[in-house]
N, C-alpha and C. Protein backbone atom coordinates (compact mmCIF):
# COMPACT_ATOMS: atom_id res chain seq x y z
N MET A 1 0.54 -6.30 22.31
CA MET A 1 -0.01 -5.02 21.94
C MET A 1 0.99 -3.91 22.26
N ILE A 2 1.59 -3.93 23.42
CA ILE A 2 2.58 -2.92 23.76
C ILE A 2 3.80 -3.06 22.85
N ARG A 3 4.17 -4.32 22.59
CA ARG A 3 5.31 -4.54 21.72
C ARG A 3 5.05 -3.94 20.34
N TRP A 4 3.84 -4.06 19.82
CA TRP A 4 3.50 -3.51 18.50
C TRP A 4 3.56 -1.98 18.53
N ALA A 5 3.09 -1.37 19.62
CA ALA A 5 3.12 0.09 19.75
C ALA A 5 4.56 0.59 19.73
N TRP A 6 5.44 -0.12 20.44
CA TRP A 6 6.84 0.29 20.44
C TRP A 6 7.48 0.11 19.06
N SER A 7 7.14 -0.97 18.41
CA SER A 7 7.73 -1.17 17.09
C SER A 7 7.20 -0.14 16.11
N GLY A 8 5.94 0.28 16.29
CA GLY A 8 5.39 1.33 15.44
C GLY A 8 6.11 2.65 15.68
N LEU A 9 6.37 2.97 16.94
CA LEU A 9 7.10 4.19 17.26
C LEU A 9 8.55 4.09 16.77
N GLY A 10 9.13 2.89 16.89
CA GLY A 10 10.50 2.70 16.41
C GLY A 10 10.59 2.90 14.91
N ALA A 11 9.61 2.38 14.18
CA ALA A 11 9.59 2.55 12.73
C ALA A 11 9.42 4.02 12.37
N LEU A 12 8.56 4.70 13.14
CA LEU A 12 8.36 6.13 12.90
C LEU A 12 9.65 6.91 13.16
N ALA A 13 10.37 6.55 14.21
CA ALA A 13 11.63 7.23 14.52
C ALA A 13 12.67 6.96 13.43
N ILE A 14 12.72 5.73 12.95
CA ILE A 14 13.67 5.40 11.88
C ILE A 14 13.32 6.16 10.61
N ALA A 15 12.03 6.21 10.27
CA ALA A 15 11.62 6.94 9.06
C ALA A 15 11.94 8.43 9.20
N GLY A 16 11.72 8.98 10.38
CA GLY A 16 12.05 10.39 10.61
C GLY A 16 13.55 10.64 10.50
N GLY A 17 14.34 9.72 11.06
CA GLY A 17 15.79 9.85 10.96
C GLY A 17 16.28 9.76 9.53
N LEU A 18 15.69 8.86 8.74
CA LEU A 18 16.08 8.74 7.34
C LEU A 18 15.71 9.98 6.55
N SER A 19 14.56 10.57 6.88
CA SER A 19 14.19 11.79 6.15
C SER A 19 15.14 12.94 6.50
N LEU A 20 15.62 12.97 7.74
CA LEU A 20 16.61 13.98 8.10
C LEU A 20 17.92 13.76 7.36
N LEU A 21 18.33 12.51 7.26
CA LEU A 21 19.55 12.21 6.51
C LEU A 21 19.39 12.55 5.04
N GLY A 22 18.23 12.27 4.50
CA GLY A 22 17.98 12.60 3.10
C GLY A 22 18.04 14.10 2.87
N GLY A 23 17.55 14.88 3.82
CA GLY A 23 17.61 16.33 3.69
C GLY A 23 19.03 16.85 3.78
N ALA A 24 19.86 16.20 4.58
CA ALA A 24 21.24 16.65 4.72
C ALA A 24 22.07 16.32 3.49
N ALA A 25 21.66 15.31 2.74
CA ALA A 25 22.44 14.89 1.59
C ALA A 25 22.17 15.73 0.35
N GLN A 26 21.18 16.59 0.39
CA GLN A 26 20.87 17.39 -0.78
C GLN A 26 21.94 18.47 -0.97
N PRO A 27 22.33 18.75 -2.22
CA PRO A 27 23.37 19.75 -2.44
C PRO A 27 22.90 21.16 -2.12
N ALA A 28 23.83 21.96 -1.64
CA ALA A 28 23.52 23.36 -1.35
C ALA A 28 23.54 24.16 -2.65
N ALA A 29 22.99 25.35 -2.61
CA ALA A 29 22.99 26.21 -3.79
C ALA A 29 24.43 26.62 -4.11
N ALA A 30 24.72 26.73 -5.38
CA ALA A 30 26.07 27.08 -5.81
C ALA A 30 26.33 28.57 -5.56
N ALA A 31 27.59 28.90 -5.46
CA ALA A 31 28.01 30.27 -5.22
C ALA A 31 28.01 31.07 -6.52
N PRO A 32 27.99 32.41 -6.43
CA PRO A 32 27.91 33.23 -7.64
C PRO A 32 29.22 33.36 -8.42
N PHE A 33 30.36 32.96 -7.83
CA PHE A 33 31.63 33.09 -8.54
C PHE A 33 32.33 31.74 -8.64
N CYS A 34 32.96 31.52 -9.79
CA CYS A 34 33.62 30.25 -10.07
C CYS A 34 35.08 30.50 -10.44
N MET A 35 35.93 29.57 -10.01
CA MET A 35 37.33 29.61 -10.39
C MET A 35 37.55 28.47 -11.36
N ARG A 36 38.28 28.77 -12.45
CA ARG A 36 38.60 27.72 -13.42
C ARG A 36 40.04 27.91 -13.88
N ASN A 37 40.64 26.79 -14.28
CA ASN A 37 41.96 26.84 -14.90
C ASN A 37 42.01 25.75 -15.97
N GLN A 38 43.15 25.60 -16.62
CA GLN A 38 43.24 24.68 -17.75
C GLN A 38 43.13 23.22 -17.35
N THR A 39 43.43 22.87 -16.11
CA THR A 39 43.37 21.48 -15.69
C THR A 39 41.98 21.05 -15.22
N MET A 40 41.09 22.00 -14.97
CA MET A 40 39.74 21.66 -14.48
C MET A 40 38.81 21.35 -15.64
N THR A 41 38.00 20.32 -15.46
CA THR A 41 37.00 20.01 -16.48
C THR A 41 35.75 20.86 -16.29
N THR A 42 35.43 21.20 -15.05
CA THR A 42 34.30 22.08 -14.76
C THR A 42 34.76 23.16 -13.78
N PRO A 43 34.21 24.35 -13.87
CA PRO A 43 34.58 25.42 -12.93
C PRO A 43 34.19 25.06 -11.50
N MET A 44 34.96 25.53 -10.54
CA MET A 44 34.69 25.29 -9.13
C MET A 44 33.93 26.50 -8.58
N CYS A 45 32.62 26.36 -8.44
CA CYS A 45 31.73 27.47 -8.04
C CYS A 45 31.48 27.43 -6.54
N ILE A 46 32.47 27.87 -5.77
CA ILE A 46 32.36 27.84 -4.31
C ILE A 46 32.61 29.21 -3.68
N TYR A 47 32.75 30.23 -4.48
CA TYR A 47 33.16 31.54 -3.97
C TYR A 47 31.98 32.52 -3.92
N TYR A 48 31.79 33.12 -2.74
CA TYR A 48 30.79 34.17 -2.57
C TYR A 48 31.43 35.55 -2.62
N ASP A 49 32.74 35.58 -2.49
CA ASP A 49 33.50 36.83 -2.54
C ASP A 49 34.36 36.80 -3.80
N ALA A 50 34.14 37.76 -4.69
CA ALA A 50 34.87 37.79 -5.95
C ALA A 50 36.37 38.03 -5.74
N ALA A 51 36.74 38.80 -4.72
CA ALA A 51 38.16 39.05 -4.46
C ALA A 51 38.87 37.76 -4.06
N GLU A 52 38.22 36.96 -3.23
CA GLU A 52 38.80 35.68 -2.83
C GLU A 52 38.92 34.75 -4.04
N CYS A 53 37.91 34.74 -4.89
CA CYS A 53 37.94 33.95 -6.11
C CYS A 53 39.09 34.39 -7.01
N GLN A 54 39.26 35.70 -7.13
CA GLN A 54 40.33 36.25 -7.98
C GLN A 54 41.72 35.90 -7.42
N ARG A 55 41.88 35.96 -6.09
CA ARG A 55 43.16 35.60 -5.47
C ARG A 55 43.50 34.13 -5.75
N GLU A 56 42.52 33.26 -5.56
CA GLU A 56 42.76 31.84 -5.78
C GLU A 56 43.01 31.54 -7.25
N ALA A 57 42.30 32.22 -8.13
CA ALA A 57 42.51 32.03 -9.56
C ALA A 57 43.91 32.47 -9.97
N THR A 58 44.37 33.58 -9.42
CA THR A 58 45.72 34.07 -9.72
C THR A 58 46.77 33.09 -9.19
N ARG A 59 46.54 32.57 -8.00
CA ARG A 59 47.48 31.61 -7.39
C ARG A 59 47.60 30.35 -8.24
N GLN A 60 46.49 29.90 -8.83
CA GLN A 60 46.49 28.67 -9.61
C GLN A 60 46.67 28.91 -11.11
N GLY A 61 46.87 30.15 -11.50
CA GLY A 61 47.04 30.44 -12.92
C GLY A 61 45.74 30.29 -13.70
N GLY A 62 44.64 30.64 -13.05
CA GLY A 62 43.33 30.48 -13.68
C GLY A 62 42.60 31.79 -13.84
N ASP A 63 41.28 31.69 -13.82
CA ASP A 63 40.42 32.83 -14.08
C ASP A 63 39.21 32.74 -13.16
N CYS A 64 38.76 33.87 -12.64
CA CYS A 64 37.55 33.93 -11.84
C CYS A 64 36.41 34.38 -12.75
N THR A 65 35.35 33.61 -12.79
CA THR A 65 34.22 33.92 -13.66
C THR A 65 32.93 33.98 -12.85
N VAL A 66 31.86 34.34 -13.52
CA VAL A 66 30.55 34.45 -12.89
C VAL A 66 29.78 33.16 -13.15
N ASN A 67 29.12 32.65 -12.13
CA ASN A 67 28.28 31.46 -12.27
C ASN A 67 26.95 31.89 -12.88
N ARG A 68 26.75 31.63 -14.15
CA ARG A 68 25.56 32.09 -14.86
C ARG A 68 24.30 31.37 -14.39
N ARG A 69 24.44 30.27 -13.67
CA ARG A 69 23.27 29.58 -13.11
C ARG A 69 22.75 30.28 -11.86
N GLU A 70 23.61 31.06 -11.24
CA GLU A 70 23.23 31.75 -10.00
C GLU A 70 23.00 33.25 -10.19
N VAL A 71 23.65 33.84 -11.17
CA VAL A 71 23.56 35.29 -11.39
C VAL A 71 22.87 35.53 -12.73
N THR A 72 21.77 36.24 -12.71
CA THR A 72 21.05 36.58 -13.93
C THR A 72 21.64 37.86 -14.52
N ILE A 73 22.12 37.76 -15.75
CA ILE A 73 22.72 38.91 -16.42
C ILE A 73 21.86 39.26 -17.62
N ARG A 74 21.33 40.45 -17.62
CA ARG A 74 20.46 40.89 -18.70
C ARG A 74 21.23 41.54 -19.85
N GLY A 75 22.44 41.94 -19.60
CA GLY A 75 23.25 42.54 -20.65
C GLY A 75 23.12 44.05 -20.69
N GLY A 76 23.84 44.64 -21.61
CA GLY A 76 23.84 46.08 -21.74
C GLY A 76 24.43 46.47 -23.08
N THR A 77 25.14 47.56 -23.10
CA THR A 77 25.68 48.06 -24.36
C THR A 77 27.04 47.48 -24.69
N GLY A 78 27.72 46.89 -23.74
CA GLY A 78 29.07 46.39 -23.97
C GLY A 78 29.13 44.91 -24.25
N GLN A 79 30.32 44.45 -24.59
CA GLN A 79 30.57 43.03 -24.85
C GLN A 79 30.78 42.24 -23.57
N TYR A 80 31.18 42.93 -22.48
CA TYR A 80 31.49 42.26 -21.22
C TYR A 80 30.81 42.95 -20.06
N CYS A 81 30.52 42.15 -19.01
CA CYS A 81 29.88 42.66 -17.81
C CYS A 81 30.79 42.43 -16.61
N LEU A 82 30.82 43.42 -15.73
CA LEU A 82 31.53 43.31 -14.46
C LEU A 82 30.49 43.02 -13.39
N VAL A 83 30.74 42.01 -12.56
CA VAL A 83 29.85 41.65 -11.47
C VAL A 83 30.65 41.72 -10.18
N THR A 84 30.18 42.52 -9.22
CA THR A 84 30.88 42.66 -7.95
C THR A 84 30.35 41.64 -6.94
N SER A 85 31.02 41.54 -5.79
CA SER A 85 30.60 40.59 -4.75
C SER A 85 29.20 40.89 -4.23
N SER A 86 28.79 42.15 -4.29
CA SER A 86 27.43 42.49 -3.87
C SER A 86 26.43 42.32 -5.01
N LEU A 87 26.88 41.67 -6.11
CA LEU A 87 26.06 41.33 -7.28
C LEU A 87 25.54 42.56 -8.01
N VAL A 88 26.34 43.62 -8.02
CA VAL A 88 26.05 44.80 -8.83
C VAL A 88 26.66 44.56 -10.21
N LEU A 89 25.85 44.73 -11.26
CA LEU A 89 26.29 44.47 -12.62
C LEU A 89 26.53 45.76 -13.38
N SER A 90 27.56 45.75 -14.20
CA SER A 90 27.86 46.87 -15.08
C SER A 90 28.27 46.28 -16.42
N CYS A 91 27.39 46.39 -17.42
CA CYS A 91 27.60 45.74 -18.72
C CYS A 91 27.88 46.76 -19.82
N HIS A 92 28.98 47.50 -19.68
CA HIS A 92 29.30 48.50 -20.68
C HIS A 92 30.75 48.42 -21.18
N TYR A 93 31.41 47.30 -20.97
CA TYR A 93 32.82 47.17 -21.33
C TYR A 93 32.97 46.66 -22.77
N PRO A 94 33.73 47.38 -23.59
CA PRO A 94 33.89 46.97 -24.99
C PRO A 94 34.90 45.83 -25.18
N ASP A 95 35.80 45.63 -24.19
CA ASP A 95 36.80 44.57 -24.33
C ASP A 95 37.08 43.95 -22.96
N ARG A 96 37.65 42.75 -22.98
CA ARG A 96 37.90 42.03 -21.74
C ARG A 96 38.98 42.70 -20.89
N ASP A 97 39.95 43.34 -21.50
CA ASP A 97 41.03 43.98 -20.74
C ASP A 97 40.50 45.10 -19.84
N SER A 98 39.63 45.96 -20.37
CA SER A 98 39.09 47.05 -19.55
C SER A 98 38.18 46.50 -18.45
N CYS A 99 37.45 45.44 -18.75
CA CYS A 99 36.59 44.82 -17.74
C CYS A 99 37.45 44.18 -16.65
N ALA A 100 38.51 43.48 -17.04
CA ALA A 100 39.39 42.82 -16.07
C ALA A 100 40.11 43.85 -15.19
N ARG A 101 40.49 44.98 -15.77
CA ARG A 101 41.15 46.04 -14.99
C ARG A 101 40.21 46.55 -13.91
N ASP A 102 38.96 46.85 -14.28
CA ASP A 102 38.00 47.33 -13.29
C ASP A 102 37.61 46.23 -12.31
N ALA A 103 37.62 44.99 -12.75
CA ALA A 103 37.31 43.88 -11.85
C ALA A 103 38.35 43.79 -10.74
N ARG A 104 39.61 44.00 -11.07
CA ARG A 104 40.66 44.01 -10.04
C ARG A 104 40.48 45.18 -9.09
N LEU A 105 40.13 46.35 -9.61
CA LEU A 105 39.96 47.54 -8.77
C LEU A 105 38.73 47.45 -7.87
N GLN A 106 37.65 46.83 -8.38
CA GLN A 106 36.38 46.78 -7.64
C GLN A 106 36.11 45.42 -7.01
N ASN A 107 37.10 44.53 -7.02
CA ASN A 107 36.94 43.18 -6.49
C ASN A 107 35.72 42.48 -7.10
N GLY A 108 35.74 42.38 -8.40
CA GLY A 108 34.66 41.73 -9.13
C GLY A 108 35.18 40.70 -10.10
N ALA A 109 34.29 40.24 -10.96
CA ALA A 109 34.64 39.27 -11.99
C ALA A 109 33.96 39.67 -13.29
N CYS A 110 34.57 39.31 -14.41
CA CYS A 110 34.02 39.64 -15.73
C CYS A 110 33.37 38.42 -16.36
N THR A 111 32.38 38.69 -17.19
CA THR A 111 31.74 37.64 -17.96
C THR A 111 31.26 38.23 -19.28
N ASP A 112 31.00 37.38 -20.24
CA ASP A 112 30.47 37.84 -21.52
C ASP A 112 29.07 38.41 -21.33
N SER A 113 28.78 39.47 -22.03
CA SER A 113 27.45 40.07 -21.98
C SER A 113 26.52 39.29 -22.91
N PRO A 114 25.37 38.84 -22.42
CA PRO A 114 24.47 38.06 -23.27
C PRO A 114 23.74 38.95 -24.27
N GLY A 115 23.46 38.41 -25.41
CA GLY A 115 22.62 39.10 -26.38
C GLY A 115 23.28 40.21 -27.15
N VAL A 116 24.58 40.37 -27.04
CA VAL A 116 25.28 41.41 -27.79
C VAL A 116 26.11 40.72 -28.86
N ALA A 117 25.95 41.16 -30.08
CA ALA A 117 26.72 40.57 -31.18
C ALA A 117 28.19 40.90 -31.00
N PRO A 118 29.07 39.96 -31.30
CA PRO A 118 30.49 40.24 -31.14
C PRO A 118 30.95 41.36 -32.07
N ALA A 119 31.84 42.20 -31.55
CA ALA A 119 32.37 43.30 -32.36
C ALA A 119 33.32 42.76 -33.41
N ARG A 120 33.20 43.22 -34.61
CA ARG A 120 34.11 42.80 -35.67
C ARG A 120 34.14 43.87 -36.75
N THR A 121 35.12 43.79 -37.59
CA THR A 121 35.23 44.76 -38.67
C THR A 121 34.23 44.41 -39.76
N PRO A 122 33.74 45.39 -40.48
CA PRO A 122 32.78 45.12 -41.55
C PRO A 122 33.41 44.28 -42.66
N ASP A 123 32.62 43.40 -43.23
CA ASP A 123 33.05 42.57 -44.34
C ASP A 123 32.68 43.29 -45.63
N PRO A 124 33.65 43.73 -46.43
CA PRO A 124 33.32 44.49 -47.64
C PRO A 124 32.61 43.65 -48.70
N TYR A 125 32.64 42.32 -48.57
CA TYR A 125 32.00 41.46 -49.56
C TYR A 125 30.61 41.01 -49.13
N SER A 126 30.18 41.42 -47.94
CA SER A 126 28.87 41.04 -47.45
C SER A 126 27.82 42.04 -47.92
N ARG A 127 26.61 41.57 -48.21
CA ARG A 127 25.53 42.47 -48.63
C ARG A 127 25.09 43.39 -47.50
N GLN A 128 25.13 42.89 -46.27
CA GLN A 128 24.70 43.71 -45.13
C GLN A 128 25.79 44.68 -44.68
N ASN A 129 27.04 44.25 -44.70
CA ASN A 129 28.13 45.06 -44.16
C ASN A 129 28.98 45.74 -45.22
N GLY A 130 28.67 45.54 -46.47
CA GLY A 130 29.51 46.10 -47.53
C GLY A 130 29.34 47.60 -47.67
N TYR A 131 30.23 48.21 -48.40
CA TYR A 131 30.20 49.66 -48.59
C TYR A 131 29.61 50.01 -49.93
C-alpha cells in the first residue's frame, strides 16, 4: 500500500515535470521587426528595436522590415508606412525612398501600406483611366 502511494506520487511528479518541459518547448512570440537578405529563405524576426534591426541589415547587405504577423497596420494615404520601435505608425509616404530616409532618422522600418492601390500613370487606352 505504501509502495503504491509512492509510485502514485512519483507518477504525478513525472507528469508535472513533463508538463513543465512541454511548456518550455513552446515558441515565444515573434518580434515586431525582421531582417532579411537575398540568402535567407524566410525573414529573421528577432528584433524588438528597429535601429538594431537596421544596423544588422546594413551589415549583412539586407533590409529591415516589419513583421506583419505582430504589427497590425491599417494603412493611410501613402504607399508606405513607417513603424518605429515604440510601434508608432505613419502611413503617408508616397515612395520607399522618403520612407527609408525617415526610417533612418527615426530608427524605424518601412513596409508597404495595405489597401492602397499602387501609384501608376494613367493608361490612355483604358476605359476607366483614359482621357
